[in-house]
Amino acid sequence: MPITVKFIGALRHASGEDKCIVGCKKCTVKDLIRRITRKSPELLRNLVAGDAESLRPNALILVNGKEISILDGLDTALKDGDEVVLVPVVHGG
């Protein structure tokens, strides 16, 4: 069973879809981000900071309902059947 990636809010618009299914054996969140942003430069700009090694502060990634900062961050290992949700964080004042 592959990994399901769901896009919420502005990230849905940037990706052009509300979800995708990715076959990714023994990969990390970082590997998954590289794969899904390859075909969507707008999604890449919304998720990844300039150095391409860190997440933008206004993007939240959940793996099976847990925020990756309480796991292993971008190095969080993924397995078949996992659900990854990409959520834009909106700040206001």
Protein backbone atom coordinates (compact mmCIF):
# COMPACT_ATOMS: atom_id res chain seq x y z
CA MET A 1 0.00 0.00 0.00
CA PRO A 2 1.60 3.31 -1.07
CA ILE A 3 1.82 6.60 0.83
CA THR A 4 -1.12 9.01 0.58
CA VAL A 5 -0.24 12.70 0.47
CA LYS A 6 -3.01 15.21 1.15
CA PHE A 7 -2.76 18.91 0.34
CA ILE A 8 -4.73 21.45 2.39
CA GLY A 9 -5.63 25.07 1.55
CA ALA A 10 -3.15 27.03 -0.55
CA LEU A 11 -0.97 23.93 -0.91
CA ARG A 12 -3.87 22.24 -2.69
CA HIS A 13 -3.89 25.10 -5.18
CA ALA A 14 -0.08 25.00 -5.54
CA SER A 15 -0.07 21.26 -6.20
CA GLY A 16 -3.08 21.30 -8.49
CA GLU A 17 -4.70 18.38 -6.64
CA ASP A 18 -6.16 17.57 -3.26
CA LYS A 19 -4.18 14.36 -2.81
CA CYS A 20 -1.78 12.03 -4.53
CA ILE A 21 -0.57 8.50 -4.02
CA VAL A 22 3.19 7.94 -3.99
CA GLY A 23 5.11 4.69 -4.04
CA CYS A 24 8.13 5.39 -1.89
CA LYS A 25 9.89 2.44 -0.26
CA LYS A 26 12.28 3.26 2.57
CA CYS A 27 12.08 7.00 2.10
CA THR A 28 11.97 9.99 4.42
CA VAL A 29 9.70 13.02 4.47
CA LYS A 30 12.53 14.92 2.76
CA ASP A 31 12.66 12.33 -0.05
CA LEU A 32 8.89 12.51 -0.44
CA ILE A 33 8.94 16.33 -0.63
CA ARG A 34 11.63 16.17 -3.32
CA ARG A 35 9.51 13.73 -5.32
CA ILE A 36 6.23 15.60 -5.15
CA THR A 37 7.74 19.04 -5.78
CA ARG A 38 9.70 17.95 -8.85
CA LYS A 39 6.68 18.54 -11.07
CA SER A 40 5.33 21.56 -9.18
CA PRO A 41 7.66 24.55 -8.76
CA GLU A 42 4.90 26.50 -6.98
CA LEU A 43 4.52 23.74 -4.39
CA LEU A 44 8.30 23.72 -3.92
CA ARG A 45 8.30 27.49 -3.25
CA ASN A 46 5.50 27.09 -0.70
CA LEU A 47 7.12 24.21 1.23
CA VAL A 48 10.89 24.51 1.10
CA ALA A 49 13.18 27.33 2.23
CA GLY A 50 15.87 28.74 -0.06
CA ASP A 51 18.51 26.20 0.96
CA ALA A 52 16.19 23.34 -0.14
CA GLU A 53 17.12 21.48 3.05
CA SER A 54 14.61 23.01 5.44
CA LEU A 55 10.89 23.53 5.60
CA ARG A 56 9.36 26.98 5.46
CA PRO A 57 8.07 28.12 8.86
CA ASN A 58 4.57 28.55 7.38
CA ALA A 59 4.24 24.88 6.38
CA LEU A 60 3.16 22.07 8.66
CA ILE A 61 3.65 18.39 7.84
CA LEU A 62 1.77 15.63 9.62
CA VAL A 63 2.60 11.94 9.33
CA ASN A 64 -0.26 9.76 10.48
CA GLY A 65 -1.64 12.70 12.47
CA LYS A 66 1.65 13.63 14.19
CA GLU A 67 3.59 16.79 13.42
CA ILE A 68 7.06 15.88 12.12
CA SER A 69 8.79 18.12 14.68
CA ILE A 70 7.89 15.58 17.39
CA LEU A 71 9.15 12.75 15.18
CA ASP A 72 12.45 13.03 13.29
CA GLY A 73 11.64 16.17 11.31
CA LEU A 74 12.39 15.92 7.61
CA ASP A 75 14.30 12.71 8.35
CA THR A 76 11.13 10.96 9.55
CA ALA A 77 11.01 7.53 7.91
CA LEU A 78 7.92 6.69 5.90
CA LYS A 79 6.44 3.30 5.12
CA ASP A 80 3.67 1.93 2.93
CA GLY A 81 0.24 2.92 4.18
CA ASP A 82 1.36 6.16 5.84
CA GLU A 83 -0.67 9.31 5.37
CA VAL A 84 1.19 12.60 5.00
CA VAL A 85 -0.80 15.83 5.24
CA LEU A 86 0.69 19.15 4.10
CA VAL A 87 -0.92 22.14 5.79
CA PRO A 88 -0.17 25.83 5.24
CA VAL A 89 0.03 27.84 8.45
CA VAL A 90 -1.72 31.19 8.21
CA HIS A 91 -0.63 34.02 10.49
CA GLY A 92 -2.68 37.09 11.03
CA GLY A 93 -2.77 40.15 13.12
